[in-house]
């Protein structure tokens, strides 16, 4: 498997795991019915941020990533 294919699989797995988690909470009635796009965006952002928090943010690798994002305007 190529690196690109592995990256695509990782991205798909991460997104679908978060999707399944959030939709499960929705089906279980854990998410208030009056939430609209604002709260739902916050929920999704929190879920993705929680996933990212599993990585060490104080490494040279993270600093290199932040620099790359800044330089490439992403």
C-alpha atoms as a PDB file:
ATOM      1  CA  UNK A   1       0.000   0.000   0.000  1.00  0.00           C
ATOM      2  CA  UNK A   2       1.351   3.410  -0.949  1.00  0.00           C
ATOM      3  CA  UNK A   3       1.794   6.175   1.588  1.00  0.00           C
ATOM      4  CA  UNK A   4      -0.982   8.147  -0.120  1.00  0.00           C
ATOM      5  CA  UNK A   5      -3.345   5.179   0.157  1.00  0.00           C
ATOM      6  CA  UNK A   6      -2.454   4.785   3.838  1.00  0.00           C
ATOM      7  CA  UNK A   7      -3.096   8.498   4.388  1.00  0.00           C
ATOM      8  CA  UNK A   8      -6.465   8.263   2.652  1.00  0.00           C
ATOM      9  CA  UNK A   9      -7.422   5.243   4.752  1.00  0.00           C
ATOM     10  CA  UNK A  10      -6.396   7.014   7.975  1.00  0.00           C
ATOM     11  CA  UNK A  11      -8.430  10.115   7.053  1.00  0.00           C
ATOM     12  CA  UNK A  12     -11.478   8.053   6.130  1.00  0.00           C
ATOM     13  CA  UNK A  13     -11.236   5.942   9.293  1.00  0.00           C
ATOM     14  CA  UNK A  14     -10.904   8.997  11.539  1.00  0.00           C
ATOM     15  CA  UNK A  15     -13.789  10.849   9.908  1.00  0.00           C
ATOM     16  CA  UNK A  16     -16.095   7.815   9.906  1.00  0.00           C
ATOM     17  CA  UNK A  17     -15.263   6.966  13.537  1.00  0.00           C
ATOM     18  CA  UNK A  18     -16.211  10.495  14.602  1.00  0.00           C
ATOM     19  CA  UNK A  19     -19.269  10.402  12.327  1.00  0.00           C
ATOM     20  CA  UNK A  20     -20.435   7.115  13.875  1.00  0.00           C
ATOM     21  CA  UNK A  21     -19.868   8.482  17.378  1.00  0.00           C
ATOM     22  CA  UNK A  22     -21.815  11.698  16.790  1.00  0.00           C
ATOM     23  CA  UNK A  23     -24.652  10.004  14.891  1.00  0.00           C
ATOM     24  CA  UNK A  24     -24.863   7.438  17.686  1.00  0.00           C
ATOM     25  CA  UNK A  25     -25.329  10.240  20.213  1.00  0.00           C
ATOM     26  CA  UNK A  26     -27.946  11.778  17.933  1.00  0.00           C
ATOM     27  CA  UNK A  27     -29.837   8.469  17.641  1.00  0.00           C
ATOM     28  CA  UNK A  28     -29.677   7.965  21.416  1.00  0.00           C
ATOM     29  CA  UNK A  29     -31.217  11.394  21.991  1.00  0.00           C
ATOM     30  CA  UNK A  30     -28.082  12.762  23.663  1.00  0.00           C
ATOM     31  CA  UNK A  31     -28.007  15.825  21.398  1.00  0.00           C
ATOM     32  CA  UNK A  32     -30.675  18.467  22.048  1.00  0.00           C
ATOM     33  CA  UNK A  33     -33.170  18.844  19.213  1.00  0.00           C
ATOM     34  CA  UNK A  34     -32.856  22.640  19.267  1.00  0.00           C
ATOM     35  CA  UNK A  35     -29.158  22.531  18.360  1.00  0.00           C
ATOM     36  CA  UNK A  36     -28.579  23.906  14.889  1.00  0.00           C
ATOM     37  CA  UNK A  37     -25.439  24.317  12.805  1.00  0.00           C
ATOM     38  CA  UNK A  38     -23.689  26.387  15.461  1.00  0.00           C
ATOM     39  CA  UNK A  39     -23.753  23.837  18.283  1.00  0.00           C
ATOM     40  CA  UNK A  40     -23.252  20.950  15.886  1.00  0.00           C
ATOM     41  CA  UNK A  41     -20.123  22.628  14.470  1.00  0.00           C
ATOM     42  CA  UNK A  42     -18.834  23.093  18.028  1.00  0.00           C
ATOM     43  CA  UNK A  43     -19.543  19.433  18.767  1.00  0.00           C
ATOM     44  CA  UNK A  44     -17.697  18.244  15.670  1.00  0.00           C
ATOM     45  CA  UNK A  45     -14.795  20.612  16.337  1.00  0.00           C
ATOM     46  CA  UNK A  46     -14.561  19.280  19.906  1.00  0.00           C
ATOM     47  CA  UNK A  47     -14.587  15.669  18.687  1.00  0.00           C
ATOM     48  CA  UNK A  48     -11.809  16.319  16.168  1.00  0.00           C
ATOM     49  CA  UNK A  49      -9.835  18.376  18.704  1.00  0.00           C
ATOM     50  CA  UNK A  50     -10.174  15.527  21.185  1.00  0.00           C
ATOM     51  CA  UNK A  51      -8.742  13.161  18.617  1.00  0.00           C
ATOM     52  CA  UNK A  52      -5.836  15.534  17.964  1.00  0.00           C
ATOM     53  CA  UNK A  53      -5.146  15.893  21.678  1.00  0.00           C
ATOM     54  CA  UNK A  54      -3.922  12.302  21.653  1.00  0.00           C
ATOM     55  CA  UNK A  55      -0.784  13.610  19.927  1.00  0.00           C
ATOM     56  CA  UNK A  56       2.048  15.395  21.728  1.00  0.00           C
ATOM     57  CA  UNK A  57       1.761  19.085  20.820  1.00  0.00           C
ATOM     58  CA  UNK A  58       5.101  20.195  22.242  1.00  0.00           C
ATOM     59  CA  UNK A  59       7.440  18.451  19.849  1.00  0.00           C
ATOM     60  CA  UNK A  60       9.671  19.602  17.015  1.00  0.00           C
ATOM     61  CA  UNK A  61       7.360  17.682  14.721  1.00  0.00           C
ATOM     62  CA  UNK A  62       4.395  19.833  15.832  1.00  0.00           C
ATOM     63  CA  UNK A  63       6.431  23.019  15.413  1.00  0.00           C
ATOM     64  CA  UNK A  64       7.434  21.922  11.900  1.00  0.00           C
ATOM     65  CA  UNK A  65       3.773  21.199  11.139  1.00  0.00           C
ATOM     66  CA  UNK A  66       2.638  24.616  12.430  1.00  0.00           C
ATOM     67  CA  UNK A  67       5.331  26.308  10.353  1.00  0.00           C
ATOM     68  CA  UNK A  68       4.345  24.371   7.236  1.00  0.00           C
ATOM     69  CA  UNK A  69       0.676  25.335   7.729  1.00  0.00           C
ATOM     70  CA  UNK A  70       1.635  29.004   8.132  1.00  0.00           C
ATOM     71  CA  UNK A  71       3.991  29.082   5.142  1.00  0.00           C
ATOM     72  CA  UNK A  72       1.484  27.289   2.903  1.00  0.00           C
ATOM     73  CA  UNK A  73      -1.460  29.413   4.076  1.00  0.00           C
ATOM     74  CA  UNK A  74      -3.602  26.468   5.191  1.00  0.00           C
END
